Amino acid sequence: MPILPIAELKTALPRHARLMGLDLGTKTIGLALSDVRLSIASPFDTIRRTKFTKDAEALFAALDKHEAAGIVLGLPVEMDGTEGARCQSTRAFARNLLGLRDLPIVFWDERLSTAAVTRTLLEADSSRARRAEVVDKMAAAYILQGALDFLGGDFLAGQTAGA
């Protein structure tokens, strides 16, 4: 399965499947999970990156455990809308995942996701240590929630039609 435009995600998922959101960093991968109605994203884990194969194994284990059928991967587009080296690295990561498992993957513009999450944590008076502990998985939830909100009611209606 190729990397999909987000509009095609509707037809690529089985009914009642969850989505997993990823905030791909150089040292960690933040993970978030949607509910089965695909309306709410929740942060749930962080993978410490080592080598691609081990990262992929940990990711696939989380996908399987939580019965997630697709991935929304944050794409680190530059503020001016161009794609730099980080975008190339993220696209390569997605292609490499598809080489190991056939699953729907879509990209979601993640500009300012970490900044928004950090600002929220600062407003909540979180300690520096607490922010470091949760920022990646919260950024993944921010990315996933943005995609779920974009898909909106039509997506939910398509998931429940004929139930």
N, C-alpha and C. Protein backbone atom coordinates (compact mmCIF):
# COMPACT_ATOMS: atom_id res chain seq x y z
N MET A 1 0.86 -1.17 0.00
CA MET A 1 0.00 0.00 0.00
C MET A 1 0.90 1.23 0.00
N PRO A 2 0.64 2.18 -0.89
CA PRO A 2 1.46 3.40 -0.89
C PRO A 2 1.06 4.33 0.25
N ILE A 3 1.88 5.34 0.47
CA ILE A 3 1.51 6.39 1.43
C ILE A 3 0.32 7.12 0.83
N LEU A 4 -0.72 7.29 1.62
CA LEU A 4 -1.98 7.79 1.11
C LEU A 4 -2.19 9.28 1.37
N PRO A 5 -2.95 9.94 0.50
CA PRO A 5 -3.46 11.27 0.86
C PRO A 5 -4.49 11.05 1.98
N ILE A 6 -4.61 12.00 2.88
CA ILE A 6 -5.48 11.81 4.03
C ILE A 6 -6.93 11.54 3.63
N ALA A 7 -7.39 12.10 2.54
CA ALA A 7 -8.77 11.89 2.11
C ALA A 7 -9.05 10.42 1.78
N GLU A 8 -8.02 9.66 1.42
CA GLU A 8 -8.20 8.25 1.08
C GLU A 8 -8.13 7.33 2.30
N LEU A 9 -7.82 7.88 3.45
CA LEU A 9 -7.74 7.08 4.66
C LEU A 9 -9.07 6.44 5.00
N LYS A 10 -10.15 7.14 4.69
CA LYS A 10 -11.50 6.65 4.98
C LYS A 10 -11.74 5.25 4.43
N THR A 11 -11.32 5.03 3.21
CA THR A 11 -11.60 3.75 2.56
C THR A 11 -10.54 2.69 2.85
N ALA A 12 -9.43 3.07 3.44
CA ALA A 12 -8.34 2.13 3.67
C ALA A 12 -8.41 1.41 5.01
N LEU A 13 -9.27 1.89 5.91
CA LEU A 13 -9.34 1.31 7.25
C LEU A 13 -10.54 0.39 7.43
N PRO A 14 -10.36 -0.70 8.15
CA PRO A 14 -11.53 -1.52 8.50
C PRO A 14 -12.37 -0.78 9.55
N ARG A 15 -13.64 -1.15 9.65
CA ARG A 15 -14.51 -0.54 10.65
C ARG A 15 -13.97 -0.80 12.05
N HIS A 16 -14.15 0.16 12.93
CA HIS A 16 -13.78 0.08 14.34
C HIS A 16 -12.28 -0.08 14.56
N ALA A 17 -11.49 0.34 13.59
CA ALA A 17 -10.04 0.28 13.76
C ALA A 17 -9.56 1.60 14.37
N ARG A 18 -8.51 1.50 15.14
CA ARG A 18 -7.88 2.69 15.73
C ARG A 18 -6.79 3.19 14.78
N LEU A 19 -6.42 4.43 14.97
CA LEU A 19 -5.27 5.01 14.30
C LEU A 19 -4.20 5.32 15.34
N MET A 20 -2.96 5.26 14.92
CA MET A 20 -1.86 5.64 15.79
C MET A 20 -1.21 6.89 15.21
N GLY A 21 -0.98 7.87 16.06
CA GLY A 21 -0.28 9.08 15.66
C GLY A 21 1.18 8.99 16.08
N LEU A 22 2.07 9.47 15.23
CA LEU A 22 3.50 9.43 15.53
C LEU A 22 4.11 10.82 15.41
N ASP A 23 4.90 11.18 16.42
CA ASP A 23 5.76 12.35 16.36
C ASP A 23 7.18 11.82 16.30
N LEU A 24 7.74 11.81 15.10
CA LEU A 24 9.04 11.20 14.85
C LEU A 24 10.15 12.20 15.12
N GLY A 25 10.95 11.89 16.12
CA GLY A 25 12.11 12.72 16.43
C GLY A 25 13.39 11.96 16.18
N THR A 26 14.51 12.60 16.37
CA THR A 26 15.79 11.93 16.16
C THR A 26 16.14 11.00 17.32
N LYS A 27 15.63 11.29 18.52
CA LYS A 27 15.93 10.47 19.69
C LYS A 27 14.75 9.65 20.18
N THR A 28 13.53 10.11 19.88
CA THR A 28 12.33 9.43 20.36
C THR A 28 11.25 9.44 19.29
N ILE A 29 10.27 8.56 19.48
CA ILE A 29 9.05 8.57 18.68
C ILE A 29 7.90 8.65 19.67
N GLY A 30 7.18 9.75 19.63
CA GLY A 30 6.00 9.90 20.48
C GLY A 30 4.83 9.16 19.84
N LEU A 31 4.05 8.45 20.67
CA LEU A 31 2.92 7.67 20.17
C LEU A 31 1.63 8.16 20.80
N ALA A 32 0.59 8.19 19.98
CA ALA A 32 -0.75 8.50 20.44
C ALA A 32 -1.70 7.52 19.78
N LEU A 33 -2.85 7.35 20.39
CA LEU A 33 -3.82 6.37 19.90
C LEU A 33 -5.20 6.99 19.86
N SER A 34 -5.94 6.70 18.80
CA SER A 34 -7.31 7.18 18.71
C SER A 34 -8.24 6.17 19.39
N ASP A 35 -9.45 6.62 19.68
CA ASP A 35 -10.47 5.69 20.11
C ASP A 35 -11.02 4.98 18.87
N VAL A 36 -11.87 3.96 19.06
CA VAL A 36 -12.38 3.21 17.92
C VAL A 36 -13.37 4.00 17.08
N ARG A 37 -13.92 5.08 17.63
CA ARG A 37 -14.82 5.95 16.84
C ARG A 37 -14.03 6.99 16.04
N LEU A 38 -12.70 6.98 16.23
CA LEU A 38 -11.81 7.89 15.52
C LEU A 38 -12.18 9.36 15.73
N SER A 39 -12.44 9.68 17.01
CA SER A 39 -12.79 11.06 17.33
C SER A 39 -11.85 11.70 18.34
N ILE A 40 -11.20 10.89 19.18
CA ILE A 40 -10.34 11.43 20.24
C ILE A 40 -8.96 10.78 20.19
N ALA A 41 -7.93 11.60 20.25
CA ALA A 41 -6.55 11.12 20.30
C ALA A 41 -6.03 11.24 21.73
N SER A 42 -5.34 10.21 22.18
CA SER A 42 -4.77 10.21 23.53
C SER A 42 -3.29 9.84 23.46
N PRO A 43 -2.44 10.60 24.17
CA PRO A 43 -1.02 10.24 24.22
C PRO A 43 -0.86 8.96 25.02
N PHE A 44 0.07 8.07 24.60
CA PHE A 44 0.21 6.89 25.43
C PHE A 44 1.61 6.34 25.60
N ASP A 45 2.57 6.65 24.75
CA ASP A 45 3.89 6.06 24.96
C ASP A 45 4.95 6.84 24.18
N THR A 46 6.20 6.58 24.53
CA THR A 46 7.35 7.12 23.81
C THR A 46 8.33 5.99 23.58
N ILE A 47 8.79 5.86 22.36
CA ILE A 47 9.81 4.86 22.01
C ILE A 47 11.15 5.59 21.93
N ARG A 48 12.14 5.09 22.66
CA ARG A 48 13.50 5.62 22.56
C ARG A 48 14.13 5.01 21.32
N ARG A 49 14.54 5.85 20.38
CA ARG A 49 15.07 5.36 19.11
C ARG A 49 16.45 4.77 19.28
N THR A 50 16.67 3.67 18.56
CA THR A 50 17.98 3.04 18.50
C THR A 50 18.34 2.84 17.03
N LYS A 51 17.94 1.70 16.48
CA LYS A 51 18.13 1.42 15.05
C LYS A 51 16.75 1.24 14.43
N PHE A 52 16.65 1.47 13.13
CA PHE A 52 15.34 1.41 12.48
C PHE A 52 14.62 0.09 12.75
N THR A 53 15.33 -1.02 12.64
CA THR A 53 14.67 -2.33 12.82
C THR A 53 14.06 -2.46 14.20
N LYS A 54 14.78 -2.06 15.22
CA LYS A 54 14.26 -2.14 16.59
C LYS A 54 13.12 -1.14 16.81
N ASP A 55 13.26 0.05 16.23
CA ASP A 55 12.19 1.05 16.32
C ASP A 55 10.92 0.51 15.67
N ALA A 56 11.06 -0.10 14.49
CA ALA A 56 9.90 -0.65 13.78
C ALA A 56 9.27 -1.79 14.56
N GLU A 57 10.09 -2.64 15.17
CA GLU A 57 9.55 -3.74 15.98
C GLU A 57 8.71 -3.21 17.14
N ALA A 58 9.23 -2.20 17.82
CA ALA A 58 8.50 -1.61 18.95
C ALA A 58 7.21 -0.96 18.46
N LEU A 59 7.27 -0.28 17.34
CA LEU A 59 6.09 0.37 16.78
C LEU A 59 5.04 -0.66 16.36
N PHE A 60 5.45 -1.71 15.68
CA PHE A 60 4.52 -2.75 15.24
C PHE A 60 3.91 -3.48 16.44
N ALA A 61 4.70 -3.67 17.49
CA ALA A 61 4.17 -4.31 18.70
C ALA A 61 3.06 -3.44 19.30
N ALA A 62 3.27 -2.12 19.34
CA ALA A 62 2.24 -1.21 19.86
C ALA A 62 1.01 -1.20 18.95
N LEU A 63 1.22 -1.18 17.63
CA LEU A 63 0.10 -1.23 16.69
C LEU A 63 -0.74 -2.49 16.92
N ASP A 64 -0.07 -3.63 17.05
CA ASP A 64 -0.77 -4.90 17.22
C ASP A 64 -1.49 -4.97 18.57
N LYS A 65 -0.81 -4.56 19.62
CA LYS A 65 -1.40 -4.61 20.96
C LYS A 65 -2.68 -3.78 21.04
N HIS A 66 -2.69 -2.63 20.39
CA HIS A 66 -3.82 -1.71 20.49
C HIS A 66 -4.76 -1.78 19.28
N GLU A 67 -4.50 -2.76 18.41
CA GLU A 67 -5.34 -3.01 17.24
C GLU A 67 -5.50 -1.75 16.38
N ALA A 68 -4.40 -1.04 16.19
CA ALA A 68 -4.38 0.13 15.32
C ALA A 68 -4.11 -0.34 13.90
N ALA A 69 -4.91 0.15 12.96
CA ALA A 69 -4.82 -0.33 11.58
C ALA A 69 -4.14 0.67 10.64
N GLY A 70 -3.77 1.84 11.14
CA GLY A 70 -3.13 2.83 10.29
C GLY A 70 -2.34 3.83 11.11
N ILE A 71 -1.52 4.61 10.42
CA ILE A 71 -0.63 5.57 11.07
C ILE A 71 -0.83 6.96 10.49
N VAL A 72 -0.91 7.94 11.38
CA VAL A 72 -0.84 9.35 11.00
C VAL A 72 0.52 9.83 11.48
N LEU A 73 1.37 10.13 10.53
CA LEU A 73 2.77 10.47 10.82
C LEU A 73 2.97 11.97 10.64
N GLY A 74 3.43 12.62 11.70
CA GLY A 74 3.69 14.05 11.64
C GLY A 74 4.80 14.35 10.65
N LEU A 75 4.54 15.29 9.74
CA LEU A 75 5.51 15.70 8.73
C LEU A 75 6.05 17.08 9.12
N PRO A 76 7.35 17.16 9.43
CA PRO A 76 7.93 18.43 9.92
C PRO A 76 8.23 19.44 8.81
N VAL A 77 7.17 19.99 8.26
CA VAL A 77 7.29 20.99 7.20
C VAL A 77 7.87 22.27 7.80
N GLU A 78 8.70 22.97 7.01
CA GLU A 78 9.28 24.24 7.46
C GLU A 78 8.18 25.28 7.58
N MET A 79 8.43 26.34 8.33
CA MET A 79 7.43 27.38 8.53
C MET A 79 7.00 28.04 7.22
N ASP A 80 7.88 28.06 6.21
CA ASP A 80 7.52 28.66 4.92
C ASP A 80 6.83 27.67 3.99
N GLY A 81 6.57 26.45 4.48
CA GLY A 81 5.86 25.44 3.69
C GLY A 81 6.76 24.53 2.88
N THR A 82 8.05 24.76 2.92
CA THR A 82 8.96 23.89 2.17
C THR A 82 9.31 22.65 3.00
N GLU A 83 9.84 21.66 2.30
CA GLU A 83 10.27 20.43 2.96
C GLU A 83 11.78 20.35 2.99
N GLY A 84 12.33 20.22 4.18
CA GLY A 84 13.77 20.13 4.34
C GLY A 84 14.21 18.71 4.63
N ALA A 85 15.38 18.60 5.22
CA ALA A 85 15.98 17.29 5.51
C ALA A 85 15.14 16.45 6.46
N ARG A 86 14.50 17.09 7.44
CA ARG A 86 13.68 16.33 8.39
C ARG A 86 12.47 15.69 7.69
N CYS A 87 11.89 16.40 6.73
CA CYS A 87 10.78 15.83 5.96
C CYS A 87 11.27 14.63 5.14
N GLN A 88 12.43 14.77 4.52
CA GLN A 88 12.98 13.66 3.74
C GLN A 88 13.20 12.44 4.62
N SER A 89 13.72 12.66 5.82
CA SER A 89 13.96 11.58 6.77
C SER A 89 12.64 10.92 7.19
N THR A 90 11.61 11.73 7.43
CA THR A 90 10.30 11.21 7.82
C THR A 90 9.68 10.41 6.69
N ARG A 91 9.78 10.91 5.48
CA ARG A 91 9.25 10.18 4.32
C ARG A 91 9.99 8.84 4.13
N ALA A 92 11.31 8.85 4.34
CA ALA A 92 12.09 7.61 4.23
C ALA A 92 11.67 6.62 5.31
N PHE A 93 11.43 7.10 6.53
CA PHE A 93 10.97 6.25 7.62
C PHE A 93 9.65 5.57 7.23
N ALA A 94 8.72 6.34 6.67
CA ALA A 94 7.43 5.78 6.25
C ALA A 94 7.61 4.73 5.16
N ARG A 95 8.44 5.04 4.16
CA ARG A 95 8.69 4.05 3.08
C ARG A 95 9.30 2.77 3.64
N ASN A 96 10.22 2.91 4.59
CA ASN A 96 10.86 1.74 5.19
C ASN A 96 9.85 0.92 5.99
N LEU A 97 8.93 1.59 6.70
CA LEU A 97 7.87 0.86 7.41
C LEU A 97 7.02 0.06 6.44
N LEU A 98 6.66 0.70 5.31
CA LEU A 98 5.84 0.01 4.30
C LEU A 98 6.56 -1.17 3.69
N GLY A 99 7.89 -1.15 3.71
CA GLY A 99 8.65 -2.29 3.22
C GLY A 99 8.54 -3.49 4.15
N LEU A 100 8.16 -3.24 5.40
CA LEU A 100 8.03 -4.31 6.39
C LEU A 100 6.58 -4.75 6.61
N ARG A 101 5.65 -3.82 6.42
CA ARG A 101 4.24 -4.13 6.66
C ARG A 101 3.36 -3.24 5.80
N ASP A 102 2.34 -3.86 5.23
CA ASP A 102 1.38 -3.14 4.40
C ASP A 102 0.30 -2.56 5.29
N LEU A 103 0.33 -1.24 5.50
CA LEU A 103 -0.68 -0.58 6.31
C LEU A 103 -0.84 0.84 5.82
N PRO A 104 -2.03 1.42 6.02
CA PRO A 104 -2.21 2.80 5.58
C PRO A 104 -1.41 3.78 6.43
N ILE A 105 -0.65 4.62 5.75
CA ILE A 105 0.11 5.70 6.39
C ILE A 105 -0.25 7.00 5.70
N VAL A 106 -0.55 8.01 6.48
CA VAL A 106 -0.79 9.36 5.95
C VAL A 106 0.11 10.32 6.70
N PHE A 107 0.44 11.42 6.03
CA PHE A 107 1.22 12.47 6.66
C PHE A 107 0.29 13.59 7.12
N TRP A 108 0.67 14.23 8.24
CA TRP A 108 -0.07 15.38 8.74
C TRP A 108 0.94 16.45 9.11
N ASP A 109 0.75 17.64 8.60
CA ASP A 109 1.64 18.77 8.86
C ASP A 109 1.73 19.00 10.37
N GLU A 110 2.91 18.89 10.89
CA GLU A 110 3.08 19.00 12.35
C GLU A 110 3.67 20.34 12.78
N ARG A 111 3.68 21.33 11.91
CA ARG A 111 4.25 22.62 12.29
C ARG A 111 3.67 23.10 13.61
N LEU A 112 4.55 23.46 14.50
CA LEU A 112 4.23 24.05 15.80
C LEU A 112 3.56 23.08 16.78
N SER A 113 3.49 21.79 16.48
CA SER A 113 2.86 20.85 17.42
C SER A 113 3.62 20.79 18.74
N THR A 114 4.93 20.66 18.69
CA THR A 114 5.71 20.60 19.93
C THR A 114 5.64 21.93 20.68
N ALA A 115 5.67 23.04 19.94
CA ALA A 115 5.58 24.35 20.58
C ALA A 115 4.23 24.52 21.28
N ALA A 116 3.15 24.08 20.64
CA ALA A 116 1.82 24.20 21.24
C ALA A 116 1.71 23.35 22.50
N VAL A 117 2.24 22.14 22.44
CA VAL A 117 2.20 21.24 23.60
C VAL A 117 3.06 21.80 24.72
N THR A 118 4.25 22.28 24.39
CA THR A 118 5.14 22.85 25.41
C THR A 118 4.48 24.05 26.08
N ARG A 119 3.85 24.90 25.30
CA ARG A 119 3.15 26.07 25.86
C ARG A 119 2.05 25.62 26.83
N THR A 120 1.30 24.61 26.45
CA THR A 120 0.24 24.09 27.32
C THR A 120 0.82 23.54 28.62
N LEU A 121 1.93 22.82 28.51
CA LEU A 121 2.57 22.27 29.71
C LEU A 121 3.12 23.37 30.61
N LEU A 122 3.67 24.43 30.00
CA LEU A 122 4.17 25.56 30.79
C LEU A 122 3.01 26.26 31.51
N GLU A 123 1.89 26.42 30.81
CA GLU A 123 0.73 27.04 31.43
C GLU A 123 0.19 26.20 32.58
N ALA A 124 0.40 24.88 32.49
CA ALA A 124 -0.03 23.98 33.56
C ALA A 124 1.01 23.89 34.66
N ASP A 125 2.08 24.69 34.53
CA ASP A 125 3.16 24.75 35.52
C ASP A 125 3.86 23.40 35.69
N SER A 126 4.01 22.66 34.59
CA SER A 126 4.74 21.38 34.63
C SER A 126 6.23 21.64 34.78
N SER A 127 6.87 20.79 35.52
CA SER A 127 8.32 20.91 35.69
C SER A 127 9.04 20.59 34.39
N ARG A 128 10.28 21.02 34.28
CA ARG A 128 11.08 20.72 33.09
C ARG A 128 11.19 19.21 32.89
N ALA A 129 11.40 18.47 33.97
CA ALA A 129 11.51 17.01 33.87
C ALA A 129 10.20 16.40 33.37
N ARG A 130 9.08 16.87 33.88
CA ARG A 130 7.77 16.35 33.45
C ARG A 130 7.51 16.68 31.98
N ARG A 131 7.87 17.90 31.56
CA ARG A 131 7.69 18.28 30.15
C ARG A 131 8.51 17.36 29.25
N ALA A 132 9.76 17.11 29.62
CA ALA A 132 10.62 16.24 28.82
C ALA A 132 10.05 14.83 28.73
N GLU A 133 9.41 14.39 29.80
CA GLU A 133 8.85 13.04 29.86
C GLU A 133 7.63 12.86 28.95
N VAL A 134 6.82 13.90 28.80
CA VAL A 134 5.54 13.74 28.11
C VAL A 134 5.41 14.48 26.78
N VAL A 135 6.31 15.38 26.45
CA VAL A 135 6.11 16.25 25.29
C VAL A 135 5.99 15.47 23.98
N ASP A 136 6.75 14.41 23.78
CA ASP A 136 6.72 13.69 22.51
C ASP A 136 5.39 12.97 22.29
N LYS A 137 4.90 12.29 23.33
CA LYS A 137 3.62 11.59 23.15
C LYS A 137 2.45 12.57 23.10
N MET A 138 2.57 13.71 23.77
CA MET A 138 1.52 14.72 23.66
C MET A 138 1.54 15.38 22.29
N ALA A 139 2.72 15.57 21.71
CA ALA A 139 2.81 16.10 20.35
C ALA A 139 2.20 15.11 19.36
N ALA A 140 2.41 13.82 19.58
CA ALA A 140 1.79 12.80 18.72
C ALA A 140 0.28 12.88 18.81
N ALA A 141 -0.26 13.10 20.01
CA ALA A 141 -1.71 13.24 20.18
C ALA A 141 -2.21 14.51 19.48
N TYR A 142 -1.45 15.58 19.55
CA TYR A 142 -1.81 16.83 18.89
C TYR A 142 -1.88 16.62 17.37
N ILE A 143 -0.91 15.90 16.82
CA ILE A 143 -0.87 15.59 15.39
C ILE A 143 -2.07 14.72 15.01
N LEU A 144 -2.28 13.65 15.76
CA LEU A 144 -3.38 12.74 15.46
C LEU A 144 -4.73 13.44 15.59
N GLN A 145 -4.90 14.26 16.63
CA GLN A 145 -6.18 14.95 16.82
C GLN A 145 -6.44 15.91 15.66
N GLY A 146 -5.41 16.57 15.17
CA GLY A 146 -5.58 17.45 14.01
C GLY A 146 -6.10 16.70 12.80
N ALA A 147 -5.54 15.51 12.56
CA ALA A 147 -5.98 14.70 11.43
C ALA A 147 -7.42 14.21 11.64
N LEU A 148 -7.73 13.77 12.85
CA LEU A 148 -9.09 13.30 13.13
C LEU A 148 -10.10 14.44 12.97
N ASP A 149 -9.75 15.63 13.45
CA ASP A 149 -10.64 16.78 13.31
C ASP A 149 -10.83 17.14 11.85
N PHE A 150 -9.78 17.05 11.06
CA PHE A 150 -9.86 17.34 9.63
C PHE A 150 -10.82 16.38 8.95
N LEU A 151 -10.73 15.12 9.31
CA LEU A 151 -11.59 14.10 8.68
C LEU A 151 -13.04 14.28 9.09
N GLY A 152 -13.25 14.67 10.34
CA GLY A 152 -14.56 15.08 10.84
C GLY A 152 -15.69 14.10 10.70
N GLY A 153 -16.90 14.64 10.68
CA GLY A 153 -18.13 13.86 10.71
C GLY A 153 -18.29 12.90 9.55
N ASP A 154 -17.83 13.26 8.34
CA ASP A 154 -17.96 12.36 7.21
C ASP A 154 -17.20 11.06 7.47
N PHE A 155 -16.05 11.19 8.09
CA PHE A 155 -15.25 10.01 8.39
C PHE A 155 -15.97 9.11 9.38
N LEU A 156 -16.51 9.71 10.43
CA LEU A 156 -17.23 8.93 11.43
C LEU A 156 -18.46 8.29 10.82
N ALA A 157 -19.17 9.00 9.96
CA ALA A 157 -20.37 8.45 9.33
C ALA A 157 -19.98 7.26 8.45
N GLY A 158 -18.87 7.36 7.75
CA GLY A 158 -18.41 6.25 6.90
C GLY A 158 -18.03 5.04 7.72
N GLN A 159 -17.52 5.25 8.93
CA GLN A 159 -17.13 4.14 9.78
C GLN A 159 -18.33 3.41 10.36
N THR A 160 -19.45 4.11 10.54
CA THR A 160 -20.60 3.48 11.18
C THR A 160 -21.70 3.11 10.20
N ALA A 161 -21.54 3.49 8.93
CA ALA A 161 -22.57 3.18 7.95
C ALA A 161 -22.74 1.67 7.81
N GLY A 162 -23.93 1.23 7.79
CA GLY A 162 -24.22 -0.18 7.62
C GLY A 162 -23.98 -1.02 8.85
N ALA A 163 -23.73 -0.38 9.98
CA ALA A 163 -23.46 -1.15 11.21
C ALA A 163 -24.72 -1.80 11.73
